[in-house]
N, C-alpha and C. Protein backbone atom coordinates (compact mmCIF):
# COMPACT_ATOMS: atom_id res chain seq x y z
N MET A 1 15.17 -15.16 -8.98
CA MET A 1 13.88 -14.42 -9.11
C MET A 1 14.26 -13.07 -9.64
N ASN A 2 13.43 -12.62 -10.53
CA ASN A 2 13.68 -11.26 -11.15
C ASN A 2 12.91 -10.28 -10.27
N GLU A 3 13.62 -9.47 -9.55
CA GLU A 3 13.04 -8.50 -8.59
C GLU A 3 12.14 -7.49 -9.23
N ASP A 4 12.56 -6.91 -10.47
CA ASP A 4 11.76 -5.93 -11.11
C ASP A 4 10.34 -6.63 -11.48
N ARG A 5 10.53 -7.77 -12.04
CA ARG A 5 9.20 -8.45 -12.55
C ARG A 5 8.38 -8.71 -11.37
N PHE A 6 8.94 -9.12 -10.26
CA PHE A 6 8.11 -9.44 -9.08
C PHE A 6 7.47 -8.23 -8.58
N ASN A 7 8.22 -7.08 -8.46
CA ASN A 7 7.62 -5.81 -7.92
C ASN A 7 6.53 -5.36 -8.83
N MET A 8 6.67 -5.44 -10.11
CA MET A 8 5.62 -4.97 -11.07
C MET A 8 4.40 -5.82 -10.92
N SER A 9 4.58 -7.18 -10.80
CA SER A 9 3.45 -8.15 -10.70
C SER A 9 2.71 -7.85 -9.33
N LEU A 10 3.42 -7.64 -8.24
CA LEU A 10 2.89 -7.35 -6.99
C LEU A 10 2.11 -6.10 -7.01
N ARG A 11 2.68 -5.01 -7.57
CA ARG A 11 2.01 -3.69 -7.57
C ARG A 11 0.72 -3.85 -8.48
N LYS A 12 0.71 -4.56 -9.58
CA LYS A 12 -0.41 -4.78 -10.36
C LYS A 12 -1.49 -5.49 -9.55
N PHE A 13 -1.11 -6.48 -8.77
CA PHE A 13 -2.15 -7.12 -7.98
C PHE A 13 -2.69 -6.27 -6.92
N LEU A 14 -1.90 -5.54 -6.22
CA LEU A 14 -2.36 -4.65 -5.18
C LEU A 14 -3.22 -3.50 -5.63
N LYS A 15 -2.93 -3.03 -6.88
CA LYS A 15 -3.73 -2.00 -7.47
C LYS A 15 -5.13 -2.58 -7.76
N GLN A 16 -5.15 -3.85 -8.26
CA GLN A 16 -6.43 -4.52 -8.63
C GLN A 16 -7.23 -4.61 -7.28
N VAL A 17 -6.52 -5.12 -6.32
CA VAL A 17 -7.35 -5.31 -4.94
C VAL A 17 -7.85 -4.04 -4.57
N GLY A 18 -7.04 -2.90 -4.55
CA GLY A 18 -7.49 -1.56 -4.08
C GLY A 18 -8.63 -1.06 -4.88
N VAL A 19 -8.63 -1.10 -6.15
CA VAL A 19 -9.61 -0.61 -7.09
C VAL A 19 -10.91 -1.35 -6.91
N THR A 20 -10.76 -2.64 -7.03
CA THR A 20 -12.06 -3.41 -6.88
C THR A 20 -12.67 -3.44 -5.55
N SER A 21 -11.87 -3.33 -4.47
CA SER A 21 -12.42 -3.19 -3.16
C SER A 21 -13.13 -1.89 -2.95
N GLN A 22 -12.59 -0.81 -3.47
CA GLN A 22 -13.17 0.58 -3.33
C GLN A 22 -14.55 0.49 -4.08
N ARG A 23 -14.59 -0.11 -5.27
CA ARG A 23 -15.82 -0.14 -6.03
C ARG A 23 -16.94 -0.92 -5.22
N GLU A 24 -16.56 -2.08 -4.65
CA GLU A 24 -17.56 -2.79 -3.88
C GLU A 24 -18.01 -2.19 -2.70
N ILE A 25 -17.08 -1.51 -1.95
CA ILE A 25 -17.57 -0.78 -0.75
C ILE A 25 -18.48 0.47 -1.15
N GLU A 26 -18.10 1.14 -2.21
CA GLU A 26 -19.00 2.28 -2.75
C GLU A 26 -20.34 1.68 -3.10
N ARG A 27 -20.31 0.48 -3.72
CA ARG A 27 -21.56 -0.10 -4.12
C ARG A 27 -22.50 -0.32 -3.04
N ILE A 28 -22.05 -0.95 -1.88
CA ILE A 28 -22.95 -1.37 -0.85
C ILE A 28 -23.40 -0.08 -0.14
N VAL A 29 -22.54 0.91 -0.15
CA VAL A 29 -23.05 2.27 0.47
C VAL A 29 -24.02 2.82 -0.34
N HIS A 30 -23.90 2.95 -1.62
CA HIS A 30 -24.85 3.64 -2.53
C HIS A 30 -26.14 2.82 -2.66
N GLU A 31 -26.15 1.53 -2.46
CA GLU A 31 -27.29 0.65 -2.43
C GLU A 31 -28.03 0.65 -1.10
N GLY A 32 -27.48 1.41 -0.11
CA GLY A 32 -28.10 1.56 1.16
C GLY A 32 -28.03 0.25 1.98
N LYS A 33 -27.02 -0.47 1.74
CA LYS A 33 -26.91 -1.79 2.53
C LYS A 33 -26.19 -1.56 3.81
N VAL A 34 -25.70 -0.28 4.10
CA VAL A 34 -24.95 -0.04 5.27
C VAL A 34 -25.70 0.96 6.10
N ASP A 35 -25.95 0.66 7.41
CA ASP A 35 -26.58 1.59 8.31
C ASP A 35 -25.59 2.17 9.22
N GLY A 36 -25.86 3.34 9.68
CA GLY A 36 -25.04 4.07 10.66
C GLY A 36 -24.11 5.08 10.13
N GLU A 37 -23.22 5.42 11.00
CA GLU A 37 -22.23 6.48 10.57
C GLU A 37 -20.87 5.89 10.10
N SER A 38 -20.71 4.60 10.20
CA SER A 38 -19.46 3.98 9.75
C SER A 38 -19.74 2.55 9.33
N VAL A 39 -18.82 1.99 8.72
CA VAL A 39 -18.88 0.50 8.42
C VAL A 39 -17.50 -0.01 8.71
N THR A 40 -17.46 -1.27 9.33
CA THR A 40 -16.22 -1.89 9.67
C THR A 40 -15.93 -2.93 8.57
N VAL A 41 -14.73 -2.82 7.99
CA VAL A 41 -14.33 -3.74 6.92
C VAL A 41 -13.14 -4.56 7.40
N ARG A 42 -13.02 -5.68 6.67
CA ARG A 42 -11.92 -6.60 6.98
C ARG A 42 -11.50 -7.27 5.58
N VAL A 43 -10.14 -7.24 5.47
CA VAL A 43 -9.48 -7.97 4.26
C VAL A 43 -8.66 -9.11 4.82
N VAL A 44 -8.88 -10.31 4.33
CA VAL A 44 -7.98 -11.39 4.73
C VAL A 44 -7.16 -11.87 3.46
N LEU A 45 -5.87 -11.71 3.63
CA LEU A 45 -4.98 -12.10 2.55
C LEU A 45 -4.39 -13.49 2.77
N THR A 46 -4.54 -14.36 1.86
CA THR A 46 -3.88 -15.72 2.03
C THR A 46 -3.15 -15.97 0.65
N ALA A 47 -2.14 -16.79 0.76
CA ALA A 47 -1.41 -17.23 -0.39
C ALA A 47 -1.50 -18.74 -0.50
N GLU A 48 -2.08 -19.23 -1.62
CA GLU A 48 -2.21 -20.58 -1.77
C GLU A 48 -0.87 -21.31 -1.61
N GLY A 49 -1.01 -22.44 -0.85
CA GLY A 49 0.22 -23.29 -0.64
C GLY A 49 1.11 -22.78 0.44
N THR A 50 0.69 -21.75 1.14
CA THR A 50 1.53 -21.24 2.26
C THR A 50 0.68 -21.05 3.50
N ASP A 51 1.32 -20.70 4.64
CA ASP A 51 0.61 -20.44 5.85
C ASP A 51 0.28 -18.96 6.01
N LEU A 52 0.35 -18.20 5.00
CA LEU A 52 0.02 -16.75 5.08
C LEU A 52 -1.44 -16.54 5.40
N GLU A 53 -1.74 -15.73 6.39
CA GLU A 53 -3.07 -15.28 6.65
C GLU A 53 -2.90 -14.03 7.33
N HIS A 54 -2.96 -12.93 6.50
CA HIS A 54 -2.82 -11.63 7.05
C HIS A 54 -4.10 -10.84 7.06
N VAL A 55 -4.52 -10.31 8.23
CA VAL A 55 -5.84 -9.67 8.35
C VAL A 55 -5.66 -8.14 8.55
N VAL A 56 -6.32 -7.43 7.76
CA VAL A 56 -6.42 -5.95 7.98
C VAL A 56 -7.86 -5.55 8.22
N GLU A 57 -8.10 -4.85 9.36
CA GLU A 57 -9.46 -4.31 9.69
C GLU A 57 -9.39 -2.92 9.83
N GLY A 58 -10.47 -2.24 9.51
CA GLY A 58 -10.62 -0.81 9.66
C GLY A 58 -12.04 -0.37 9.62
N LYS A 59 -12.20 0.89 9.99
CA LYS A 59 -13.47 1.54 10.01
C LYS A 59 -13.47 2.62 8.94
N ILE A 60 -14.55 2.68 8.10
CA ILE A 60 -14.75 3.63 7.08
C ILE A 60 -15.99 4.57 7.48
N ASP A 61 -15.66 5.80 7.73
CA ASP A 61 -16.68 6.78 8.10
C ASP A 61 -17.53 7.02 7.02
N LEU A 62 -18.88 7.10 7.15
CA LEU A 62 -19.85 7.33 6.13
C LEU A 62 -20.37 8.79 6.14
N VAL A 63 -20.21 9.49 7.25
CA VAL A 63 -20.68 10.80 7.39
C VAL A 63 -19.64 11.77 7.80
């Protein structure tokens, strides 16, 4: 395995996840689909063909 190629590909994927996730969260907030002072979010990461299931949960303050 080429470590440099792997790291670049992984970083590209994670950047795409971060950017698109931020856009979607901003969209639901701006469209008024979220009530209250915060929103709880969850990301579930899986890898096809493996037993990977990594869950990240967090709270995003709106005010």
